[in-house]
Amino acid sequence: MAALPVRKAVFVLAVLSFVFFLAPAASSPAVSSAINSNKDVVQLFHKRHIRSSHHFHSLPRIPSRALLLSQIRGGGGGNSKATATIGAPPGTSTLMASIVNLAKNIIGGGMLALPAGLAAGAGTGYIPAFLLLAFSAVSSAYTFILVGRSVEATKSNSFKEAWSRTVGPSHAWIVDYAITALAFGVCIVYACFVGDTFTSLLKGAGLPEWLSSREASILGVTLTVLFPLTLLRDLSALQYSSYVGIGAVLYTVVFIALRWYDGSYAKGGRFFAAIPSYLRPRPAEFGQWKMSAGTSILFSMFSTSYMAHTNAVKYYNELEGRSVGKFTQVVGVAMGAATVIYLSAMVLGFETFGLASQGLVLNNYHVSKDMLATLGRVATAVSIIGAHPLLFSGLRDSFLNVLPPAMSTKKEAWFLSTVGLLAGATGLSLLCKDVGMIVSLVGSSLGALIVYVFPPLMFLHLLRKNKGEIKTSGAEILLLHATIVFGIVSGCYGTWVTLSGVGGK
């Protein structure tokens, strides 16, 4: 595939993506309003996880995926009974604060697997890749808004509660299991990130192979750092981890842009001969319209990239002067901004390494000589260590929620679930060395359910229960059914392609 004709334009695009997210946090009125917009989340987090006497009002809080996963259980205990319709208190988050928070919630380290998604199978050309990314953004935004419309009608306070009041409380266990599986899948991805980032860092420091191997990195960091952190009852020290994660993501995008722009890894560049041959750029020779079995893997990655739908209830309820129209603005701008970030990381990473792009594109860069890459790995490592305990806390809570009360209430249940879940995620990360494959699998299975099946299914049941009371059309009803069918078919096919290896390199 030929290099992009206007290198400076794409480079500027990546820099603007960086500025877009720093500017609101640094100078806009959204800072003061974001303080209030996340107060309820922080206070609820304190009640469940943090034994502290103050409420941290001094700085805005960005609700991380891990923190929000721990709130999704809101339907109550394991009996899945619907609660009375009370509704959330008036929202306090301004339009800009909601946009920034949602965008930061959506964007994660999974974008670093997108260049490998382009290279999967026999490759995917830019035109179908761009179209699929646009389709994923628009369809994900639509189903995200569907959740908001369901919340507006049912006055729900959690995703599970919205499901209970639309589909029915007898099927609410499906939500519990899906969210638990999602959190477990993300924990596996995090463990893979640990292996990839720490292996490069330790090798760059000159440690011997038996200490710097992927297996040693995962086991060592898990046993000495992650396991003790997951046992903490007080997680207040980790409350700022989402800022570190955001900084790591944005720094990495700009770093990838710089290395693509200066040609350091191109043939004849200063790092080209210094990296192993299998990591050196291999330009794609297929056309712009190329599609293959690997295209479904790329699409599954896109599904994961926009998957924040179980948090849509909270974002809707926290919006100041909330309405479906205002919520639509928030979702449109936030997902549009995320698309710019994803497009930059995917194109710039693939333009740099082509078919040699690894499942975590940071692995392509030199382990010791490229200091900018080392800084990116350090930032990613710190982000993982800070975010993992919060994410794991949400997983553990969800897991205990699906257990029978007789088991989950036992004194040793908390500790045993911690050991079992962490050991399971660590073991699977040791077996699967391709983080891109895990991201694709999570997207094709759980992503298809949560993005394309659950929201339209909830809204269809809502329409049936409130005939004539909710504004819709015959075309939209057809679209809702089509979205569900598409989610099931694409999810099954994507899962098969990922597991069978048909779309592999």
Foldseek 3Di string as FASTA:
>chain_A
DDADPCLVVLLVLLVVLLCVLVVCCPDNPQWLLLLQLCQVLQVVCCVQFAVDDDRPSPTGFQQEPLSLLLCQVPQDFLQLAADDQDAFDFARHELVNLLSSLLLRLAFLLLLQLQLLQLWFLGAAQVVLVVLLVVLLVLLLVLLLLQLVLCVVRRDQFPLNSCCVFVRSVPSLVVLVLSLVLLLLVLLLLLLLQLLLQLLQCVLVVDDCVCSHSLNRSVVCCVPFVLVLLPHRHLVVLRCLSVLRSVLLSLVLSVLSVCLVVVLQPVVHVCVVVDDPLLGADARPDDNRDDDLSNLLSSLLSLSSRPPSRCSSSSQNNYHVHDSVSSSSSSNSSSVSSSSSSVSSNSSLCSRRPSSQASRNLSSGRSHPPVSSNVSSVSSNSSSSSCSSSSVVSSLSSVLRNDDPVQSVDPCSSVVSSVVSSVVSSVVSVVDNGSSLSSSLCSLASSLCRRQAVSLSSSVSVCVVVPPPDDDDPVVNVVSVVSNVCSVVSSVSSNCCSVVVNRGD
